Protein backbone atom coordinates (compact mmCIF):
# COMPACT_ATOMS: atom_id res chain seq x y z
CA MET A 1 28.84 68.28 -41.12
CA TYR A 2 30.50 64.85 -40.79
CA LYS A 3 29.33 61.28 -40.26
CA ILE A 4 30.57 59.24 -37.32
CA ILE A 5 31.67 55.64 -37.87
CA LEU A 6 32.27 53.97 -34.44
CA PHE A 7 34.08 50.28 -34.76
CA THR A 8 34.91 48.57 -31.71
CA HIS A 9 35.64 45.29 -30.06
CA GLY A 10 32.42 43.39 -28.77
CA LYS A 11 29.39 45.57 -27.47
CA LEU A 12 31.87 48.37 -26.40
CA GLY A 13 30.00 50.79 -28.73
CA ASP A 14 26.60 49.61 -27.88
CA GLY A 15 27.11 50.55 -24.71
CA LEU A 16 28.99 54.09 -25.40
CA LEU A 17 25.92 54.89 -27.76
CA ASP A 18 23.21 53.74 -25.27
CA THR A 19 24.55 55.98 -23.00
CA ALA A 20 25.18 58.58 -25.02
CA GLU A 21 21.52 58.66 -25.93
CA MET A 22 20.40 58.71 -22.36
CA VAL A 23 22.75 62.02 -22.08
CA SER A 24 22.14 63.49 -24.92
CA GLY A 25 19.48 62.39 -26.84
CA THR A 26 18.40 60.51 -29.62
CA ILE A 27 21.01 59.57 -31.90
CA LYS A 28 20.83 59.03 -35.23
CA ASP A 29 23.20 58.30 -38.16
CA VAL A 30 26.13 56.93 -36.68
CA ASP A 31 27.45 53.64 -38.70
CA HIS A 32 28.23 51.13 -35.57
CA ILE A 33 30.20 48.22 -36.41
CA ARG A 34 30.82 45.63 -33.64
CA LEU A 35 33.86 43.15 -33.98
CA LEU A 36 32.52 39.88 -32.05
CA PRO A 37 34.44 36.92 -31.30
CA GLY A 38 34.13 34.74 -34.27
CA ASP A 39 34.02 37.36 -36.80
CA ASP A 40 35.95 37.63 -39.96
CA PRO A 41 37.97 40.49 -39.94
CA ASP A 42 38.00 40.91 -43.84
CA ASP A 43 34.47 40.89 -43.99
CA LYS A 44 34.22 43.80 -41.80
CA PHE A 45 36.91 45.01 -43.64
CA GLU A 46 34.49 45.07 -46.75
CA PHE A 47 31.82 46.37 -45.05
CA VAL A 48 33.83 49.29 -43.87
CA LYS A 49 35.43 49.49 -47.24
CA LYS A 50 31.77 49.76 -49.03
CA THR A 51 30.51 52.73 -45.96
CA LEU A 52 33.46 54.56 -46.95
CA ASP A 53 32.76 54.55 -50.34
CA ARG A 54 29.49 55.98 -50.05
CA TYR A 55 30.51 58.91 -47.85
CA SER A 56 33.31 59.25 -50.69
CA LYS A 57 30.98 59.34 -53.44
CA GLU A 58 28.94 61.93 -51.12
CA GLN A 59 31.91 64.39 -50.06
CA THR A 60 31.58 63.51 -46.64
CA PRO A 61 33.81 64.22 -44.36
CA VAL A 62 34.07 61.24 -41.81
CA LEU A 63 35.15 60.86 -38.17
CA VAL A 64 35.98 57.04 -36.92
CA PHE A 65 36.45 56.16 -33.71
CA THR A 66 38.29 53.30 -32.63
CA ASP A 67 38.59 51.32 -29.32
CA ILE A 68 42.31 50.54 -28.84
CA PHE A 69 45.35 50.92 -30.34
CA PHE A 70 46.35 48.31 -32.57
CA GLY A 71 43.74 46.29 -31.85
CA THR A 72 41.94 44.87 -34.44
CA PRO A 73 39.56 47.56 -35.52
CA PHE A 74 42.43 50.26 -35.67
CA ASN A 75 44.64 48.14 -37.72
CA LEU A 76 41.92 47.72 -40.34
CA MET A 77 40.99 51.11 -40.08
CA LEU A 78 45.02 51.87 -40.73
CA LYS A 79 45.31 49.84 -43.57
CA LEU A 80 42.05 51.64 -45.08
CA SER A 81 43.20 54.87 -44.53
CA GLN A 82 45.90 54.45 -47.52
CA ASP A 83 42.74 54.71 -50.02
CA TYR A 84 40.15 57.15 -48.03
CA GLU A 85 40.42 60.12 -46.30
CA PHE A 86 39.20 60.07 -43.23
CA ALA A 87 40.12 61.66 -39.14
CA HIS A 88 40.47 58.85 -37.28
CA ILE A 89 40.70 58.76 -33.22
CA THR A 90 41.40 55.57 -31.21
CA GLY A 91 40.70 55.26 -27.92
CA VAL A 92 37.24 56.60 -27.77
CA ASN A 93 35.67 57.18 -24.56
CA LEU A 94 32.51 58.36 -24.05
CA PRO A 95 33.09 62.35 -23.08
CA MET A 96 34.85 62.57 -26.89
CA LEU A 97 32.02 60.31 -28.43
CA ILE A 98 29.29 62.87 -26.82
CA GLU A 99 31.39 66.03 -27.97
CA ALA A 100 31.66 64.73 -31.49
CA LEU A 101 28.12 63.84 -32.01
CA SER A 102 27.27 67.27 -30.53
CA TYR A 103 29.26 69.01 -33.20
CA ARG A 104 28.48 66.62 -35.99
CA ASN A 105 25.67 68.72 -37.54
CA GLU A 106 27.32 72.23 -36.68
CA ALA A 107 27.22 74.21 -40.21
CA ASN A 108 30.44 75.76 -39.54
CA SER A 109 32.52 72.92 -38.37
CA VAL A 110 35.64 71.80 -39.57
CA LEU A 111 36.61 68.23 -39.03
CA THR A 112 40.16 68.46 -39.04
CA ASP A 113 40.09 71.47 -36.68
CA LEU A 114 38.12 69.62 -33.88
CA ILE A 115 40.21 66.54 -34.06
CA SER A 116 42.28 67.80 -31.21
CA TYR A 117 40.20 69.59 -29.13
CA PHE A 118 38.07 65.60 -29.04
CA ILE A 119 40.88 63.94 -27.78
CA GLU A 120 41.80 67.06 -25.23
CA ILE A 121 37.58 66.23 -24.33
CA GLY A 122 38.63 62.42 -24.08
CA LYS A 123 41.81 63.22 -21.69
CA ASN A 124 40.18 65.92 -19.49
CA GLY A 125 37.42 62.58 -18.63
CA ILE A 126 39.76 61.18 -17.02
CA VAL A 127 39.82 61.84 -13.67
CA ASP A 128 42.00 60.99 -10.57
CA CYS A 129 38.61 61.74 -8.44
CA ASN A 130 40.90 61.01 -4.82
CA LYS A 131 43.31 64.45 -6.24
CA ILE A 132 39.85 66.58 -6.45
CA ALA A 133 38.13 65.98 -2.86
C-alpha cells in the first residue's frame, strides 16, 4: 500500500481526479495540492513537508505526481527529496494516474517496482490516432 500526492498547477489536478473518478469510481485518500496564481510557493513547500512528515512517521510509501518537468511543483518536490524518501513522477496524465490509483491498495504492490510500469502506461496513453485508422 502507498499514498498518492498529486501536486499540480492551477486546477489540472481537479480535472484529472474528477475524470479518474468517472472511470474508476470514488477516489479517497489522495493528497491533492494546487498551486494557484498568487500562491506563495514557500507555503506549499511547508504544507507538503508536513504531509511527508506524517507519512514518514507512519512508514507509508509515497508516490508523488507533478505536472511539468521543472515547474514549481516539480522543483519543490525535488528540494524535498533531499530530506524525504518518495517516488516522484512528473508529466502526470490520466492513464498513469488511474493505474496508480488501482494498484495502491494491493497488499503485494511494491511502489519501487511499479514506477516504470506507471510511466509506460502514461506513454502508451499518448497515441497518434491518424496512424491507427
